[in-house]
Amino acid sequence: MQGDGNIISFMSPTSSTDGMYPKKWIIIDGFRTLLKVRNFDRHFYDDISGVFASQILRVLTSKNRVKYADYFTVENGYCGSFNFVKEGQNLVSAYRYLLHIGEDPGYTTKDQRYHSLIQPFGHTWLDVMMILDYVVFNIDRHLNNFGFIQNSDTGELLCPAPIFDTGSSIFAAFGVGAKDDICNKDFKARTFASTHNLQIKLVKLSAYQDELMELRTNIKSLFYETYKSAELKDLVLSSMAQLLQERIEFLCKDLHKSKHSMFT
């Protein structure tokens, strides 16, 4: 990697990508890669959370065509993801798309947002995204954190964009420390309902039974394997792993309930 010794310099025009944390486009093994640095002041381990989300998405996308941005550890405190926008393509956020079709998110309901965004390619990609966000307590899935890939010449929408930017989850939701049993605690959602518990009701969970059962079996081992490099106490790791397990268990109880909308 290019930089000042082992330290990546973010003093570059390429570091202008939006977001809370410093980012920079670099070249790794000939591939353009977005590098993201952990917020060391807040110790939320958002770099590792992105990698963990990729592990979960491998399971959730094993039987469908939903794509995701595969985050990987570059070095301590950094994670990277290869550029998924090819030459001749643009990334169009959900926010920009809604504006384009004349539905200003500031003046439409979350129900309207959902039904407008499933029109081009159906609901499966949003199902996967909402299940992931529920499981990992994602608190930052706003309308600029997902969207579509567009042909830059014709303006045609080609496909949903790979699911990306899930760093603000896990420890970002609680901070670092031993946790009480808060499996059923609700969290504010920023996309299609006021809370995660209401938003997950949009998903027909029975369609993802196999994937959820696999996660039910493996979520703790995936978590420990991903976070083993973090300098965290065993009590903290075991407490968070148990919360994730309970989160999956909660979804598995709802596997056979019918899909329906509830908005407040």
Protein backbone atom coordinates (compact mmCIF):
# COMPACT_ATOMS: atom_id res chain seq x y z
CA MET A 1 0.00 0.00 0.00
CA GLN A 2 1.11 3.53 -0.65
CA GLY A 3 1.58 5.79 2.34
CA ASP A 4 4.08 7.08 4.91
CA GLY A 5 5.65 3.86 6.10
CA ASN A 6 2.93 1.85 7.81
CA ILE A 7 0.63 4.86 8.10
CA ILE A 8 -1.81 5.65 5.30
CA SER A 9 -1.99 9.35 4.50
CA PHE A 10 -5.52 10.63 4.04
CA MET A 11 -4.33 14.05 2.84
CA SER A 12 -5.48 13.52 -0.72
CA PRO A 13 -8.40 14.46 -2.97
CA THR A 14 -9.27 10.77 -3.04
CA SER A 15 -10.24 10.91 0.65
CA SER A 16 -13.34 12.98 -0.11
CA THR A 17 -15.81 10.05 0.06
CA ASP A 18 -18.76 10.90 2.30
CA GLY A 19 -19.10 9.36 5.74
CA MET A 20 -18.20 9.63 9.41
CA TYR A 21 -14.74 8.07 9.18
CA PRO A 22 -11.65 8.81 7.09
CA LYS A 23 -11.58 6.85 3.82
CA LYS A 24 -9.28 6.72 0.84
CA TRP A 25 -9.15 5.00 -2.53
CA ILE A 26 -5.90 3.05 -2.94
CA ILE A 27 -4.61 0.27 -5.21
CA ILE A 28 -4.17 -3.21 -3.69
CA ASP A 29 -2.81 -5.93 -5.97
CA GLY A 30 -3.95 -3.92 -8.99
CA PHE A 31 -7.52 -3.42 -7.75
CA ARG A 32 -9.01 -0.09 -6.74
CA THR A 33 -9.95 -0.43 -3.08
CA LEU A 34 -11.75 1.81 -0.62
CA LEU A 35 -9.80 1.85 2.63
CA LYS A 36 -11.59 2.80 5.84
CA VAL A 37 -9.94 3.56 9.16
CA ARG A 38 -11.38 2.78 12.60
CA ASN A 39 -12.44 5.65 14.85
CA PHE A 40 -9.85 5.03 17.56
CA ASP A 41 -11.31 7.72 19.82
CA ARG A 42 -14.66 5.92 20.11
CA HIS A 43 -13.42 2.30 19.90
CA PHE A 44 -16.46 0.97 18.09
CA TYR A 45 -14.42 -1.46 15.95
CA ASP A 46 -16.37 -0.38 12.87
CA ASP A 47 -13.64 -1.83 10.62
CA ILE A 48 -14.14 -5.30 12.09
CA SER A 49 -17.93 -4.87 12.08
CA GLY A 50 -17.80 -4.40 8.30
CA VAL A 51 -15.87 -7.64 7.95
CA PHE A 52 -18.32 -9.44 10.25
CA ALA A 53 -21.26 -8.19 8.19
CA SER A 54 -19.62 -9.71 5.12
CA GLN A 55 -19.49 -13.09 6.88
CA ILE A 56 -23.21 -12.93 7.61
CA LEU A 57 -24.02 -11.81 4.08
CA ARG A 58 -22.20 -14.82 2.65
CA VAL A 59 -24.83 -16.95 4.37
CA LEU A 60 -27.83 -14.73 3.59
CA THR A 61 -26.96 -14.54 -0.12
CA SER A 62 -26.06 -18.21 -0.65
CA LYS A 63 -29.37 -19.00 -2.41
CA ASN A 64 -30.17 -15.75 -4.18
CA ARG A 65 -28.48 -13.26 -6.49
CA VAL A 66 -28.11 -10.45 -3.98
CA LYS A 67 -24.61 -8.96 -4.07
CA TYR A 68 -22.64 -7.42 -1.25
CA ALA A 69 -19.42 -5.46 -0.85
CA ASP A 70 -16.96 -7.92 0.67
CA TYR A 71 -15.05 -6.11 3.42
CA PHE A 72 -11.73 -7.52 4.56
CA THR A 73 -9.08 -6.58 7.09
CA VAL A 74 -6.14 -4.75 5.55
CA GLU A 75 -4.17 -4.17 8.72
CA ASN A 76 -4.95 -3.31 12.34
CA GLY A 77 -7.48 -0.52 12.35
CA TYR A 78 -8.23 -0.60 8.62
CA CYS A 79 -10.67 -2.49 6.45
CA GLY A 80 -10.96 -2.48 2.69
CA SER A 81 -13.51 -3.25 0.00
CA PHE A 82 -12.87 -3.52 -3.72
CA ASN A 83 -14.62 -1.03 -5.98
CA PHE A 84 -17.89 -2.57 -7.21
CA VAL A 85 -18.72 0.18 -9.71
CA LYS A 86 -17.31 -0.71 -13.12
CA GLU A 87 -16.30 1.58 -15.96
CA GLY A 88 -19.38 3.13 -17.55
CA GLN A 89 -21.43 2.78 -14.37
CA ASN A 90 -22.59 5.06 -11.54
CA LEU A 91 -23.70 4.39 -8.00
CA VAL A 92 -27.09 6.02 -7.42
CA SER A 93 -28.18 6.23 -3.79
CA ALA A 94 -31.74 5.39 -2.78
CA TYR A 95 -32.11 9.03 -1.82
CA ARG A 96 -31.12 10.29 -5.26
CA TYR A 97 -33.30 7.71 -6.97
CA LEU A 98 -36.35 8.77 -5.00
CA LEU A 99 -35.70 12.40 -5.88
CA HIS A 100 -35.35 11.42 -9.55
CA ILE A 101 -38.78 9.79 -9.64
CA GLY A 102 -40.34 12.79 -7.93
CA GLU A 103 -40.63 11.38 -4.41
CA ASP A 104 -38.71 13.67 -2.08
CA PRO A 105 -37.96 11.53 1.01
CA GLY A 106 -38.62 14.55 3.17
CA TYR A 107 -42.25 14.60 2.05
CA THR A 108 -43.10 10.92 1.62
CA THR A 109 -43.79 8.19 4.15
CA LYS A 110 -41.44 5.30 4.86
CA ASP A 111 -44.12 3.02 3.45
CA GLN A 112 -43.99 4.93 0.15
CA ARG A 113 -40.19 4.73 0.10
CA TYR A 114 -40.27 0.96 0.44
CA HIS A 115 -42.83 0.38 -2.32
CA SER A 116 -41.02 2.76 -4.68
CA LEU A 117 -37.63 1.11 -4.13
CA ILE A 118 -38.87 -2.44 -4.77
CA GLN A 119 -40.37 -1.50 -8.13
CA PRO A 120 -37.21 -1.81 -10.29
CA PHE A 121 -35.85 -5.16 -8.98
CA GLY A 122 -38.21 -6.62 -6.39
CA HIS A 123 -37.84 -6.96 -2.63
CA THR A 124 -35.21 -9.69 -2.12
CA TRP A 125 -32.21 -7.36 -1.95
CA LEU A 126 -33.99 -5.22 0.63
CA ASP A 127 -35.02 -8.34 2.59
CA VAL A 128 -31.39 -9.38 2.90
CA MET A 129 -30.33 -5.88 3.90
CA MET A 130 -33.04 -5.61 6.56
CA ILE A 131 -32.24 -9.04 8.03
CA LEU A 132 -28.56 -8.13 8.23
CA ASP A 133 -29.28 -4.77 9.83
CA TYR A 134 -31.57 -6.38 12.38
CA VAL A 135 -29.06 -9.05 13.35
CA VAL A 136 -26.09 -6.70 13.78
CA PHE A 137 -27.98 -3.76 15.32
CA ASN A 138 -27.09 -1.47 12.41
CA ILE A 139 -27.87 2.12 13.41
CA ASP A 140 -26.80 3.88 10.22
CA ARG A 141 -28.74 2.48 7.24
CA HIS A 142 -29.86 5.83 5.85
CA LEU A 143 -30.94 6.42 2.25
CA ASN A 144 -27.41 7.22 1.09
CA ASN A 145 -26.09 3.89 2.38
CA PHE A 146 -27.76 1.71 -0.28
CA GLY A 147 -29.03 2.13 -3.82
CA PHE A 148 -28.59 1.07 -7.44
CA ILE A 149 -25.97 0.64 -10.14
CA GLN A 150 -26.76 2.76 -13.20
CA ASN A 151 -25.47 2.83 -16.79
CA SER A 152 -23.73 6.19 -16.88
CA ASP A 153 -24.43 6.69 -20.60
CA THR A 154 -28.11 5.72 -20.81
CA GLY A 155 -29.23 6.28 -17.23
CA GLU A 156 -30.69 2.74 -17.12
CA LEU A 157 -30.75 1.05 -13.73
CA LEU A 158 -28.78 -2.19 -14.06
CA CYS A 159 -29.17 -3.83 -10.66
CA PRO A 160 -29.29 -3.08 -6.95
CA ALA A 161 -25.92 -1.96 -5.63
CA PRO A 162 -24.07 -4.51 -3.51
CA ILE A 163 -24.92 -4.09 0.17
CA PHE A 164 -22.24 -1.90 1.70
CA ASP A 165 -21.29 0.20 4.75
CA THR A 166 -22.39 -1.75 7.81
CA GLY A 167 -19.62 -0.54 10.10
CA SER A 168 -21.90 1.38 12.46
CA SER A 169 -23.25 -1.73 14.15
CA ILE A 170 -22.40 -4.19 16.95
CA PHE A 171 -20.37 -2.07 19.42
CA ALA A 172 -21.46 1.18 17.77
CA ALA A 173 -24.96 0.49 19.05
CA PHE A 174 -23.93 -0.01 22.69
CA GLY A 175 -20.32 0.96 23.20
CA VAL A 176 -17.87 -1.62 24.54
CA GLY A 177 -18.75 -3.36 27.77
CA ALA A 178 -20.64 -6.32 29.23
CA LYS A 179 -24.28 -6.28 28.11
CA ASP A 180 -27.49 -7.13 29.88
CA ASP A 181 -30.09 -9.21 28.06
CA ILE A 182 -31.43 -6.61 25.61
CA CYS A 183 -32.27 -8.94 22.74
CA ASN A 184 -35.78 -7.53 22.40
CA LYS A 185 -34.79 -3.90 22.88
CA ASP A 186 -35.89 -1.92 19.88
CA PHE A 187 -33.63 0.35 17.85
CA LYS A 188 -34.49 3.31 15.70
CA ALA A 189 -34.59 2.50 11.99
CA ARG A 190 -33.82 5.09 9.35
CA THR A 191 -35.28 3.49 6.25
CA PHE A 192 -38.70 1.81 6.05
CA ALA A 193 -40.14 1.96 9.58
CA SER A 194 -39.59 3.83 12.80
CA THR A 195 -37.87 0.90 14.54
CA HIS A 196 -36.05 -2.31 13.62
CA ASN A 197 -38.75 -4.48 15.20
CA LEU A 198 -41.36 -2.89 12.94
CA GLN A 199 -39.11 -2.88 9.89
CA ILE A 200 -38.29 -6.59 10.05
CA LYS A 201 -42.03 -7.32 9.72
CA LEU A 202 -41.70 -6.36 6.06
CA VAL A 203 -39.66 -9.52 5.47
CA LYS A 204 -41.26 -12.91 4.94
CA LEU A 205 -38.72 -14.71 7.11
CA SER A 206 -39.88 -18.18 6.07
CA ALA A 207 -38.22 -17.55 2.69
CA TYR A 208 -34.87 -17.43 4.52
CA GLN A 209 -35.39 -20.35 6.85
CA ASP A 210 -32.29 -22.30 5.82
CA GLU A 211 -30.07 -19.24 6.01
CA LEU A 212 -31.36 -18.21 9.43
CA MET A 213 -30.98 -21.73 10.79
CA GLU A 214 -27.38 -21.81 9.56
CA LEU A 215 -26.69 -18.49 11.25
CA ARG A 216 -28.38 -19.78 14.39
CA THR A 217 -25.83 -22.58 14.47
CA ASN A 218 -22.74 -20.60 13.47
CA ILE A 219 -23.21 -16.97 14.55
CA LYS A 220 -21.05 -17.25 17.68
CA SER A 221 -18.16 -18.95 15.92
CA LEU A 222 -18.32 -16.39 13.09
CA PHE A 223 -18.23 -13.59 15.64
CA TYR A 224 -15.28 -14.98 17.62
CA GLU A 225 -13.33 -15.76 14.45
CA THR A 226 -13.82 -12.23 13.12
CA TYR A 227 -13.18 -10.34 16.37
CA LYS A 228 -10.26 -12.43 17.63
CA SER A 229 -7.82 -9.71 16.55
CA ALA A 230 -9.60 -7.06 18.64
CA GLU A 231 -8.11 -6.19 22.01
CA LEU A 232 -11.29 -6.95 23.92
CA LYS A 233 -11.87 -8.80 27.17
CA ASP A 234 -13.38 -12.27 27.00
CA LEU A 235 -16.40 -11.06 28.97
CA VAL A 236 -17.11 -8.37 26.37
CA LEU A 237 -16.79 -10.81 23.47
CA SER A 238 -18.91 -13.51 25.09
CA SER A 239 -21.57 -10.98 26.06
CA MET A 240 -21.88 -9.60 22.52
CA ALA A 241 -21.80 -13.08 20.98
CA GLN A 242 -24.74 -14.03 23.23
CA LEU A 243 -26.68 -10.93 22.14
CA LEU A 244 -26.19 -11.85 18.49
CA GLN A 245 -27.30 -15.42 19.21
CA GLU A 246 -30.44 -14.15 20.90
CA ARG A 247 -31.10 -11.79 18.00
CA ILE A 248 -31.08 -14.73 15.58
CA GLU A 249 -33.23 -16.81 17.95
CA PHE A 250 -35.80 -14.01 17.97
CA LEU A 251 -36.01 -14.09 14.16
CA CYS A 252 -36.24 -17.88 14.09
CA LYS A 253 -39.34 -17.71 16.31
CA ASP A 254 -41.00 -15.55 13.64
CA LEU A 255 -40.09 -17.74 10.66
CA HIS A 256 -43.62 -18.75 9.77
CA LYS A 257 -45.40 -15.47 10.34
CA SER A 258 -46.91 -13.79 7.31
CA LYS A 259 -45.35 -10.74 5.75
CA HIS A 260 -47.13 -7.53 6.59
CA SER A 261 -46.42 -3.81 6.98
CA MET A 262 -46.55 -1.82 10.18
CA PHE A 263 -45.53 1.81 10.10
CA THR A 264 -45.67 4.54 12.69
